[in-house]
PDB file of N, CA and C in Angstrom:
ATOM      1  N   MET A   1     -77.843  19.800  25.095  1.00  0.00           N
ATOM      2  CA  MET A   1     -76.892  20.852  24.776  1.00  0.00           C
ATOM      3  C   MET A   1     -75.787  20.834  25.830  1.00  0.00           C
ATOM      4  N   SER A   2     -74.546  20.934  25.366  1.00  0.00           N
ATOM      5  CA  SER A   2     -73.429  20.902  26.302  1.00  0.00           C
ATOM      6  C   SER A   2     -73.311  22.235  27.039  1.00  0.00           C
ATOM      7  N   ASP A   3     -72.624  22.201  28.169  1.00  0.00           N
ATOM      8  CA  ASP A   3     -72.388  23.425  28.932  1.00  0.00           C
ATOM      9  C   ASP A   3     -71.568  24.418  28.117  1.00  0.00           C
ATOM     10  N   ILE A   4     -70.676  23.918  27.261  1.00  0.00           N
ATOM     11  CA  ILE A   4     -69.834  24.780  26.426  1.00  0.00           C
ATOM     12  C   ILE A   4     -70.707  25.538  25.431  1.00  0.00           C
ATOM     13  N   VAL A   5     -71.623  24.861  24.773  1.00  0.00           N
ATOM     14  CA  VAL A   5     -72.513  25.519  23.804  1.00  0.00           C
ATOM     15  C   VAL A   5     -73.407  26.515  24.528  1.00  0.00           C
ATOM     16  N   SER A   6     -73.941  26.139  25.668  1.00  0.00           N
ATOM     17  CA  SER A   6     -74.801  27.031  26.436  1.00  0.00           C
ATOM     18  C   SER A   6     -74.047  28.302  26.836  1.00  0.00           C
ATOM     19  N   ALA A   7     -72.824  28.147  27.321  1.00  0.00           N
ATOM     20  CA  ALA A   7     -72.009  29.309  27.706  1.00  0.00           C
ATOM     21  C   ALA A   7     -71.663  30.159  26.483  1.00  0.00           C
ATOM     22  N   ALA A   8     -71.409  29.510  25.350  1.00  0.00           N
ATOM     23  CA  ALA A   8     -71.085  30.240  24.121  1.00  0.00           C
ATOM     24  C   ALA A   8     -72.272  31.069  23.642  1.00  0.00           C
ATOM     25  N   VAL A   9     -73.471  30.519  23.742  1.00  0.00           N
ATOM     26  CA  VAL A   9     -74.676  31.255  23.358  1.00  0.00           C
ATOM     27  C   VAL A   9     -74.798  32.515  24.214  1.00  0.00           C
ATOM     28  N   THR A  10     -74.638  32.378  25.517  1.00  0.00           N
ATOM     29  CA  THR A  10     -74.723  33.520  26.424  1.00  0.00           C
ATOM     30  C   THR A  10     -73.660  34.561  26.099  1.00  0.00           C
ATOM     31  N   GLN A  11     -72.429  34.104  25.888  1.00  0.00           N
ATOM     32  CA  GLN A  11     -71.314  35.010  25.589  1.00  0.00           C
ATOM     33  C   GLN A  11     -71.527  35.728  24.255  1.00  0.00           C
ATOM     34  N   LEU A  12     -71.947  35.011  23.239  1.00  0.00           N
ATOM     35  CA  LEU A  12     -72.181  35.626  21.932  1.00  0.00           C
ATOM     36  C   LEU A  12     -73.322  36.637  21.979  1.00  0.00           C
ATOM     37  N   ASN A  13     -74.397  36.317  22.675  1.00  0.00           N
ATOM     38  CA  ASN A  13     -75.510  37.258  22.761  1.00  0.00           C
ATOM     39  C   ASN A  13     -75.086  38.557  23.449  1.00  0.00           C
ATOM     40  N   ALA A  14     -74.256  38.461  24.476  1.00  0.00           N
ATOM     41  CA  ALA A  14     -73.752  39.660  25.148  1.00  0.00           C
ATOM     42  C   ALA A  14     -72.824  40.452  24.226  1.00  0.00           C
ATOM     43  N   LYS A  15     -71.981  39.752  23.501  1.00  0.00           N
ATOM     44  CA  LYS A  15     -71.000  40.391  22.617  1.00  0.00           C
ATOM     45  C   LYS A  15     -71.666  41.067  21.424  1.00  0.00           C
ATOM     46  N   MET A  16     -72.743  40.503  20.905  1.00  0.00           N
ATOM     47  CA  MET A  16     -73.372  40.992  19.683  1.00  0.00           C
ATOM     48  C   MET A  16     -74.520  41.953  19.940  1.00  0.00           C
ATOM     49  N   ASP A  17     -74.778  42.308  21.175  1.00  0.00           N
ATOM     50  CA  ASP A  17     -75.905  43.163  21.525  1.00  0.00           C
ATOM     51  C   ASP A  17     -75.924  44.425  20.666  1.00  0.00           C
ATOM     52  N   GLY A  18     -77.009  44.617  19.917  1.00  0.00           N
ATOM     53  CA  GLY A  18     -77.166  45.800  19.079  1.00  0.00           C
ATOM     54  C   GLY A  18     -76.550  45.695  17.695  1.00  0.00           C
ATOM     55  N   GLU A  19     -75.869  44.598  17.391  1.00  0.00           N
ATOM     56  CA  GLU A  19     -75.250  44.399  16.082  1.00  0.00           C
ATOM     57  C   GLU A  19     -76.272  43.824  15.104  1.00  0.00           C
ATOM     58  N   SER A  20     -75.946  43.885  13.827  1.00  0.00           N
ATOM     59  CA  SER A  20     -76.800  43.251  12.826  1.00  0.00           C
ATOM     60  C   SER A  20     -75.945  42.378  11.915  1.00  0.00           C
ATOM     61  N   PHE A  21     -76.564  41.323  11.419  1.00  0.00           N
ATOM     62  CA  PHE A  21     -75.891  40.367  10.534  1.00  0.00           C
ATOM     63  C   PHE A  21     -76.923  39.870   9.541  1.00  0.00           C
ATOM     64  N   ASP A  22     -76.668  40.107   8.270  1.00  0.00           N
ATOM     65  CA  ASP A  22     -77.609  39.731   7.218  1.00  0.00           C
ATOM     66  C   ASP A  22     -77.317  38.300   6.777  1.00  0.00           C
ATOM     67  N   GLY A  23     -77.978  37.350   7.391  1.00  0.00           N
ATOM     68  CA  GLY A  23     -77.786  35.956   7.016  1.00  0.00           C
ATOM     69  C   GLY A  23     -77.831  35.058   8.231  1.00  0.00           C
ATOM     70  N   THR A  24     -77.372  33.821   8.019  1.00  0.00           N
ATOM     71  CA  THR A  24     -77.303  32.852   9.107  1.00  0.00           C
ATOM     72  C   THR A  24     -75.909  32.246   9.132  1.00  0.00           C
ATOM     73  N   ALA A  25     -75.438  32.001  10.331  1.00  0.00           N
ATOM     74  CA  ALA A  25     -74.134  31.376  10.501  1.00  0.00           C
ATOM     75  C   ALA A  25     -74.243  30.314  11.582  1.00  0.00           C
ATOM     76  N   LYS A  26     -73.507  29.242  11.389  1.00  0.00           N
ATOM     77  CA  LYS A  26     -73.491  28.162  12.374  1.00  0.00           C
ATOM     78  C   LYS A  26     -72.055  27.943  12.822  1.00  0.00           C
ATOM     79  N   PHE A  27     -71.853  27.893  14.133  1.00  0.00           N
ATOM     80  CA  PHE A  27     -70.577  27.490  14.707  1.00  0.00           C
ATOM     81  C   PHE A  27     -70.716  26.056  15.166  1.00  0.00           C
ATOM     82  N   VAL A  28     -69.826  25.200  14.708  1.00  0.00           N
ATOM     83  CA  VAL A  28     -69.768  23.827  15.199  1.00  0.00           C
ATOM     84  C   VAL A  28     -68.533  23.735  16.081  1.00  0.00           C
ATOM     85  N   ILE A  29     -68.760  23.440  17.349  1.00  0.00           N
ATOM     86  CA  ILE A  29     -67.658  23.255  18.296  1.00  0.00           C
ATOM     87  C   ILE A  29     -67.461  21.754  18.412  1.00  0.00           C
ATOM     88  N   GLU A  30     -66.347  21.290  17.883  1.00  0.00           N
ATOM     89  CA  GLU A  30     -66.094  19.847  17.794  1.00  0.00           C
ATOM     90  C   GLU A  30     -66.257  19.164  19.151  1.00  0.00           C
ATOM     91  N   GLY A  31     -67.061  18.117  19.162  1.00  0.00           N
ATOM     92  CA  GLY A  31     -67.287  17.335  20.367  1.00  0.00           C
ATOM     93  C   GLY A  31     -68.266  17.953  21.351  1.00  0.00           C
ATOM     94  N   GLU A  32     -68.796  19.150  21.036  1.00  0.00           N
ATOM     95  CA  GLU A  32     -69.688  19.846  21.960  1.00  0.00           C
ATOM     96  C   GLU A  32     -71.073  20.089  21.383  1.00  0.00           C
ATOM     97  N   GLY A  33     -71.157  20.465  20.105  1.00  0.00           N
ATOM     98  CA  GLY A  33     -72.441  20.762  19.491  1.00  0.00           C
ATOM     99  C   GLY A  33     -72.344  21.979  18.597  1.00  0.00           C
ATOM    100  N   ALA A  34     -73.507  22.551  18.285  1.00  0.00           N
ATOM    101  CA  ALA A  34     -73.556  23.670  17.340  1.00  0.00           C
ATOM    102  C   ALA A  34     -74.448  24.775  17.858  1.00  0.00           C
ATOM    103  N   LEU A  35     -74.180  25.980  17.370  1.00  0.00           N
ATOM    104  CA  LEU A  35     -75.023  27.119  17.673  1.00  0.00           C
ATOM    105  C   LEU A  35     -75.183  27.967  16.432  1.00  0.00           C
ATOM    106  N   MET A  36     -76.319  28.633  16.361  1.00  0.00           N
ATOM    107  CA  MET A  36     -76.666  29.456  15.206  1.00  0.00           C
ATOM    108  C   MET A  36     -76.661  30.925  15.580  1.00  0.00           C
ATOM    109  N   ILE A  37     -76.304  31.748  14.603  1.00  0.00           N
ATOM    110  CA  ILE A  37     -76.397  33.197  14.735  1.00  0.00           C
ATOM    111  C   ILE A  37     -77.254  33.671  13.573  1.00  0.00           C
ATOM    112  N   ALA A  38     -78.301  34.435  13.891  1.00  0.00           N
ATOM    113  CA  ALA A  38     -79.214  34.900  12.841  1.00  0.00           C
ATOM    114  C   ALA A  38     -80.043  36.060  13.344  1.00  0.00           C
ATOM    115  N   GLY A  39     -80.652  36.758  12.408  1.00  0.00           N
ATOM    116  CA  GLY A  39     -81.636  37.770  12.735  1.00  0.00           C
ATOM    117  C   GLY A  39     -81.146  39.184  12.564  1.00  0.00           C
ATOM    118  N   THR A  40     -82.102  40.094  12.392  1.00  0.00           N
ATOM    119  CA  THR A  40     -81.780  41.507  12.261  1.00  0.00           C
ATOM    120  C   THR A  40     -81.139  42.017  13.542  1.00  0.00           C
ATOM    121  N   ASP A  41     -81.754  41.704  14.680  1.00  0.00           N
ATOM    122  CA  ASP A  41     -81.122  41.963  15.971  1.00  0.00           C
ATOM    123  C   ASP A  41     -80.422  40.656  16.317  1.00  0.00           C
ATOM    124  N   VAL A  42     -79.165  40.575  15.948  1.00  0.00           N
ATOM    125  CA  VAL A  42     -78.431  39.314  15.962  1.00  0.00           C
ATOM    126  C   VAL A  42     -78.555  38.603  17.302  1.00  0.00           C
ATOM    127  N   THR A  43     -78.953  37.350  17.223  1.00  0.00           N
ATOM    128  CA  THR A  43     -79.039  36.519  18.416  1.00  0.00           C
ATOM    129  C   THR A  43     -78.430  35.151  18.125  1.00  0.00           C
ATOM    130  N   ALA A  44     -77.926  34.537  19.170  1.00  0.00           N
ATOM    131  CA  ALA A  44     -77.364  33.193  19.067  1.00  0.00           C
ATOM    132  C   ALA A  44     -78.270  32.238  19.829  1.00  0.00           C
ATOM    133  N   CYS A  45     -78.354  31.008  19.335  1.00  0.00           N
ATOM    134  CA  CYS A  45     -79.109  29.971  20.030  1.00  0.00           C
ATOM    135  C   CYS A  45     -78.492  28.622  19.674  1.00  0.00           C
ATOM    136  N   ALA A  46     -78.689  27.654  20.544  1.00  0.00           N
ATOM    137  CA  ALA A  46     -78.212  26.304  20.265  1.00  0.00           C
ATOM    138  C   ALA A  46     -79.083  25.715  19.168  1.00  0.00           C
ATOM    139  N   ASP A  47     -78.460  25.341  18.053  1.00  0.00           N
ATOM    140  CA  ASP A  47     -79.211  24.788  16.927  1.00  0.00           C
ATOM    141  C   ASP A  47     -78.210  24.205  15.935  1.00  0.00           C
ATOM    142  N   ASP A  48     -78.662  23.269  15.136  1.00  0.00           N
ATOM    143  CA  ASP A  48     -77.792  22.642  14.135  1.00  0.00           C
ATOM    144  C   ASP A  48     -78.471  22.658  12.769  1.00  0.00           C
ATOM    145  N   ALA A  49     -79.183  23.741  12.479  1.00  0.00           N
ATOM    146  CA  ALA A  49     -79.909  23.870  11.211  1.00  0.00           C
ATOM    147  C   ALA A  49     -78.954  24.283  10.083  1.00  0.00           C
ATOM    148  N   GLU A  50     -79.478  24.283   8.859  1.00  0.00           N
ATOM    149  CA  GLU A  50     -78.711  24.764   7.706  1.00  0.00           C
ATOM    150  C   GLU A  50     -78.422  26.256   7.887  1.00  0.00           C
ATOM    151  N   ALA A  51     -77.277  26.699   7.363  1.00  0.00           N
ATOM    152  CA  ALA A  51     -76.893  28.100   7.483  1.00  0.00           C
ATOM    153  C   ALA A  51     -76.167  28.540   6.215  1.00  0.00           C
ATOM    154  N   ASP A  52     -76.076  29.859   6.038  1.00  0.00           N
ATOM    155  CA  ASP A  52     -75.339  30.409   4.896  1.00  0.00           C
ATOM    156  C   ASP A  52     -73.860  30.051   4.972  1.00  0.00           C
ATOM    157  N   VAL A  53     -73.333  30.006   6.197  1.00  0.00           N
ATOM    158  CA  VAL A  53     -71.930  29.672   6.405  1.00  0.00           C
ATOM    159  C   VAL A  53     -71.804  28.859   7.689  1.00  0.00           C
ATOM    160  N   THR A  54     -70.949  27.846   7.643  1.00  0.00           N
ATOM    161  CA  THR A  54     -70.678  27.014   8.816  1.00  0.00           C
ATOM    162  C   THR A  54     -69.204  27.110   9.153  1.00  0.00           C
ATOM    163  N   LEU A  55     -68.925  27.458  10.411  1.00  0.00           N
ATOM    164  CA  LEU A  55     -67.555  27.567  10.898  1.00  0.00           C
ATOM    165  C   LEU A  55     -67.337  26.450  11.909  1.00  0.00           C
ATOM    166  N   THR A  56     -66.280  25.696  11.737  1.00  0.00           N
ATOM    167  CA  THR A  56     -66.009  24.559  12.606  1.00  0.00           C
ATOM    168  C   THR A  56     -64.637  24.720  13.241  1.00  0.00           C
ATOM    169  N   ALA A  57     -64.586  24.510  14.563  1.00  0.00           N
ATOM    170  CA  ALA A  57     -63.316  24.645  15.291  1.00  0.00           C
ATOM    171  C   ALA A  57     -63.368  23.785  16.549  1.00  0.00           C
ATOM    172  N   SER A  58     -62.209  23.565  17.119  1.00  0.00           N
ATOM    173  CA  SER A  58     -62.138  22.872  18.403  1.00  0.00           C
ATOM    174  C   SER A  58     -62.643  23.810  19.501  1.00  0.00           C
ATOM    175  N   ARG A  59     -62.880  23.254  20.639  1.00  0.00           N
ATOM    176  CA  ARG A  59     -63.316  24.061  21.783  1.00  0.00           C
ATOM    177  C   ARG A  59     -62.278  25.131  22.096  1.00  0.00           C
ATOM    178  N   ASP A  60     -61.003  24.759  22.139  1.00  0.00           N
ATOM    179  CA  ASP A  60     -59.943  25.716  22.467  1.00  0.00           C
ATOM    180  C   ASP A  60     -59.876  26.856  21.457  1.00  0.00           C
ATOM    181  N   THR A  61     -59.967  26.520  20.167  1.00  0.00           N
ATOM    182  CA  THR A  61     -59.920  27.560  19.138  1.00  0.00           C
ATOM    183  C   THR A  61     -61.131  28.469  19.241  1.00  0.00           C
ATOM    184  N   PHE A  62     -62.309  27.893  19.416  1.00  0.00           N
ATOM    185  CA  PHE A  62     -63.521  28.696  19.544  1.00  0.00           C
ATOM    186  C   PHE A  62     -63.422  29.640  20.739  1.00  0.00           C
ATOM    187  N   GLU A  63     -62.999  29.119  21.886  1.00  0.00           N
ATOM    188  CA  GLU A  63     -62.868  29.958  23.082  1.00  0.00           C
ATOM    189  C   GLU A  63     -61.834  31.061  22.859  1.00  0.00           C
ATOM    190  N   GLY A  64     -60.749  30.737  22.144  1.00  0.00           N
ATOM    191  CA  GLY A  64     -59.738  31.747  21.842  1.00  0.00           C
ATOM    192  C   GLY A  64     -60.277  32.863  20.964  1.00  0.00           C
ATOM    193  N   ILE A  65     -61.098  32.509  19.993  1.00  0.00           N
ATOM    194  CA  ILE A  65     -61.716  33.518  19.123  1.00  0.00           C
ATOM    195  C   ILE A  65     -62.656  34.396  19.946  1.00  0.00           C
ATOM    196  N   MET A  66     -63.428  33.792  20.837  1.00  0.00           N
ATOM    197  CA  MET A  66     -64.375  34.554  21.649  1.00  0.00           C
ATOM    198  C   MET A  66     -63.681  35.509  22.619  1.00  0.00           C
ATOM    199  N   THR A  67     -62.543  35.098  23.165  1.00  0.00           N
ATOM    200  CA  THR A  67     -61.837  35.949  24.128  1.00  0.00           C
ATOM    201  C   THR A  67     -60.908  36.953  23.445  1.00  0.00           C
ATOM    202  N   GLY A  68     -60.677  36.762  22.151  1.00  0.00           N
ATOM    203  CA  GLY A  68     -59.764  37.656  21.443  1.00  0.00           C
ATOM    204  C   GLY A  68     -58.323  37.178  21.449  1.00  0.00           C
ATOM    205  N   ASP A  69     -58.068  36.034  22.074  1.00  0.00           N
ATOM    206  CA  ASP A  69     -56.712  35.481  22.104  1.00  0.00           C
ATOM    207  C   ASP A  69     -56.332  34.816  20.786  1.00  0.00           C
ATOM    208  N   GLU A  70     -57.332  34.455  19.990  1.00  0.00           N
ATOM    209  CA  GLU A  70     -57.107  33.788  18.700  1.00  0.00           C
ATOM    210  C   GLU A  70     -57.714  34.646  17.604  1.00  0.00           C
ATOM    211  N   ASN A  71     -56.910  35.023  16.636  1.00  0.00           N
ATOM    212  CA  ASN A  71     -57.395  35.792  15.499  1.00  0.00           C
ATOM    213  C   ASN A  71     -58.120  34.838  14.557  1.00  0.00           C
ATOM    214  N   PRO A  72     -59.400  35.129  14.206  1.00  0.00           N
ATOM    215  CA  PRO A  72     -60.143  34.215  13.345  1.00  0.00           C
ATOM    216  C   PRO A  72     -59.483  33.996  11.982  1.00  0.00           C
ATOM    217  N   THR A  73     -58.907  35.034  11.405  1.00  0.00           N
ATOM    218  CA  THR A  73     -58.244  34.893  10.103  1.00  0.00           C
ATOM    219  C   THR A  73     -57.032  33.989  10.227  1.00  0.00           C
ATOM    220  N   ALA A  74     -56.241  34.187  11.268  1.00  0.00           N
ATOM    221  CA  ALA A  74     -55.062  33.342  11.486  1.00  0.00           C
ATOM    222  C   ALA A  74     -55.484  31.897  11.756  1.00  0.00           C
ATOM    223  N   ALA A  75     -56.574  31.719  12.513  1.00  0.00           N
ATOM    224  CA  ALA A  75     -57.069  30.368  12.787  1.00  0.00           C
ATOM    225  C   ALA A  75     -57.480  29.680  11.493  1.00  0.00           C
ATOM    226  N   PHE A  76     -58.122  30.418  10.594  1.00  0.00           N
ATOM    227  CA  PHE A  76     -58.518  29.866   9.301  1.00  0.00           C
ATOM    228  C   PHE A  76     -57.290  29.523   8.463  1.00  0.00           C
ATOM    229  N   MET A  77     -56.346  30.436   8.416  1.00  0.00           N
ATOM    230  CA  MET A  77     -55.150  30.233   7.577  1.00  0.00           C
ATOM    231  C   MET A  77     -54.290  29.057   8.060  1.00  0.00           C
ATOM    232  N   THR A  78     -54.334  28.753   9.353  1.00  0.00           N
ATOM    233  CA  THR A  78     -53.536  27.654   9.894  1.00  0.00           C
ATOM    234  C   THR A  78     -54.329  26.352  10.009  1.00  0.00           C
ATOM    235  N   GLY A  79     -55.595  26.370   9.562  1.00  0.00           N
ATOM    236  CA  GLY A  79     -56.405  25.159   9.578  1.00  0.00           C
ATOM    237  C   GLY A  79     -57.100  24.866  10.893  1.00  0.00           C
ATOM    238  N   LYS A  80     -57.004  25.761  11.866  1.00  0.00           N
ATOM    239  CA  LYS A  80     -57.688  25.550  13.141  1.00  0.00           C
ATOM    240  C   LYS A  80     -59.181  25.823  13.031  1.00  0.00           C
ATOM    241  N   LEU A  81     -59.560  26.627  12.033  1.00  0.00           N
ATOM    242  CA  LEU A  81     -60.947  26.987  11.788  1.00  0.00           C
ATOM    243  C   LEU A  81     -61.261  26.671  10.332  1.00  0.00           C
ATOM    244  N   THR A  82     -62.309  25.892  10.106  1.00  0.00           N
ATOM    245  CA  THR A  82     -62.718  25.619   8.727  1.00  0.00           C
ATOM    246  C   THR A  82     -64.022  26.355   8.451  1.00  0.00           C
ATOM    247  N   ILE A  83     -64.165  26.779   7.212  1.00  0.00           N
ATOM    248  CA  ILE A  83     -65.348  27.530   6.802  1.00  0.00           C
ATOM    249  C   ILE A  83     -65.949  26.849   5.588  1.00  0.00           C
ATOM    250  N   ASP A  84     -67.238  26.583   5.675  1.00  0.00           N
ATOM    251  CA  ASP A  84     -67.967  25.961   4.577  1.00  0.00           C
ATOM    252  C   ASP A  84     -69.150  26.860   4.236  1.00  0.00           C
ATOM    253  N   GLY A  85     -69.208  27.314   3.013  1.00  0.00           N
ATOM    254  CA  GLY A  85     -70.320  28.165   2.600  1.00  0.00           C
ATOM    255  C   GLY A  85     -69.842  29.535   2.176  1.00  0.00           C
ATOM    256  N   ASP A  86     -70.652  30.532   2.425  1.00  0.00           N
ATOM    257  CA  ASP A  86     -70.456  31.897   1.958  1.00  0.00           C
ATOM    258  C   ASP A  86     -69.331  32.600   2.722  1.00  0.00           C
ATOM    259  N   MET A  87     -68.177  32.744   2.074  1.00  0.00           N
ATOM    260  CA  MET A  87     -67.014  33.369   2.711  1.00  0.00           C
ATOM    261  C   MET A  87     -67.300  34.834   3.053  1.00  0.00           C
ATOM    262  N   GLY A  88     -68.091  35.513   2.240  1.00  0.00           N
ATOM    263  CA  GLY A  88     -68.459  36.898   2.536  1.00  0.00           C
ATOM    264  C   GLY A  88     -69.221  37.010   3.837  1.00  0.00           C
ATOM    265  N   LYS A  89     -70.120  36.051   4.091  1.00  0.00           N
ATOM    266  CA  LYS A  89     -70.870  36.032   5.351  1.00  0.00           C
ATOM    267  C   LYS A  89     -69.927  35.779   6.527  1.00  0.00           C
ATOM    268  N   ALA A  90     -68.937  34.916   6.319  1.00  0.00           N
ATOM    269  CA  ALA A  90     -67.963  34.644   7.379  1.00  0.00           C
ATOM    270  C   ALA A  90     -67.188  35.909   7.728  1.00  0.00           C
ATOM    271  N   MET A  91     -66.797  36.665   6.719  1.00  0.00           N
ATOM    272  CA  MET A  91     -66.049  37.900   6.962  1.00  0.00           C
ATOM    273  C   MET A  91     -66.931  38.937   7.659  1.00  0.00           C
ATOM    274  N   ALA A  92     -68.198  39.027   7.257  1.00  0.00           N
ATOM    275  CA  ALA A  92     -69.124  39.958   7.916  1.00  0.00           C
ATOM    276  C   ALA A  92     -69.342  39.558   9.364  1.00  0.00           C
ATOM    277  N   LEU A  93     -69.427  38.258   9.618  1.00  0.00           N
ATOM    278  CA  LEU A  93     -69.624  37.772  10.984  1.00  0.00           C
ATOM    279  C   LEU A  93     -68.438  38.134  11.872  1.00  0.00           C
ATOM    280  N   ALA A  94     -67.241  38.070  11.318  1.00  0.00           N
ATOM    281  CA  ALA A  94     -66.050  38.426  12.099  1.00  0.00           C
ATOM    282  C   ALA A  94     -66.171  39.847  12.626  1.00  0.00           C
ATOM    283  N   GLY A  95     -66.727  40.753  11.847  1.00  0.00           N
ATOM    284  CA  GLY A  95     -66.920  42.122  12.290  1.00  0.00           C
ATOM    285  C   GLY A  95     -67.954  42.239  13.395  1.00  0.00           C
ATOM    286  N   VAL A  96     -68.931  41.352  13.392  1.00  0.00           N
ATOM    287  CA  VAL A  96     -69.996  41.394  14.390  1.00  0.00           C
ATOM    288  C   VAL A  96     -69.522  40.854  15.729  1.00  0.00           C
ATOM    289  N   ILE A  97     -68.718  39.799  15.724  1.00  0.00           N
ATOM    290  CA  ILE A  97     -68.326  39.172  16.994  1.00  0.00           C
ATOM    291  C   ILE A  97     -67.005  39.669  17.537  1.00  0.00           C
ATOM    292  N   SER A  98     -66.338  40.528  16.814  1.00  0.00           N
ATOM    293  CA  SER A  98     -65.040  41.053  17.285  1.00  0.00           C
ATOM    294  C   SER A  98     -65.228  42.110  18.341  1.00  0.00           C
TER     295      SER A  98
END
């Protein structure tokens, strides 16, 4: 697991503390690896399993979304973020990690 994925897992777990997300989501950070978000008490972990929705972005775009410098909707609309799978789950996830 890359240091970027490891740091992202830690950051996401802190950000999502107490939130809930009905489903599974996978973030693929290009050139770094993947992480999963799942569970009633939402948790993130390094994993590359199947998910309801997969979001793929560069390291810079992913970090921008995590810090709030990059709007996830704008990133999607400009092609910086691709979404494969359940768009409703992607929209629900945006509410959890914002």
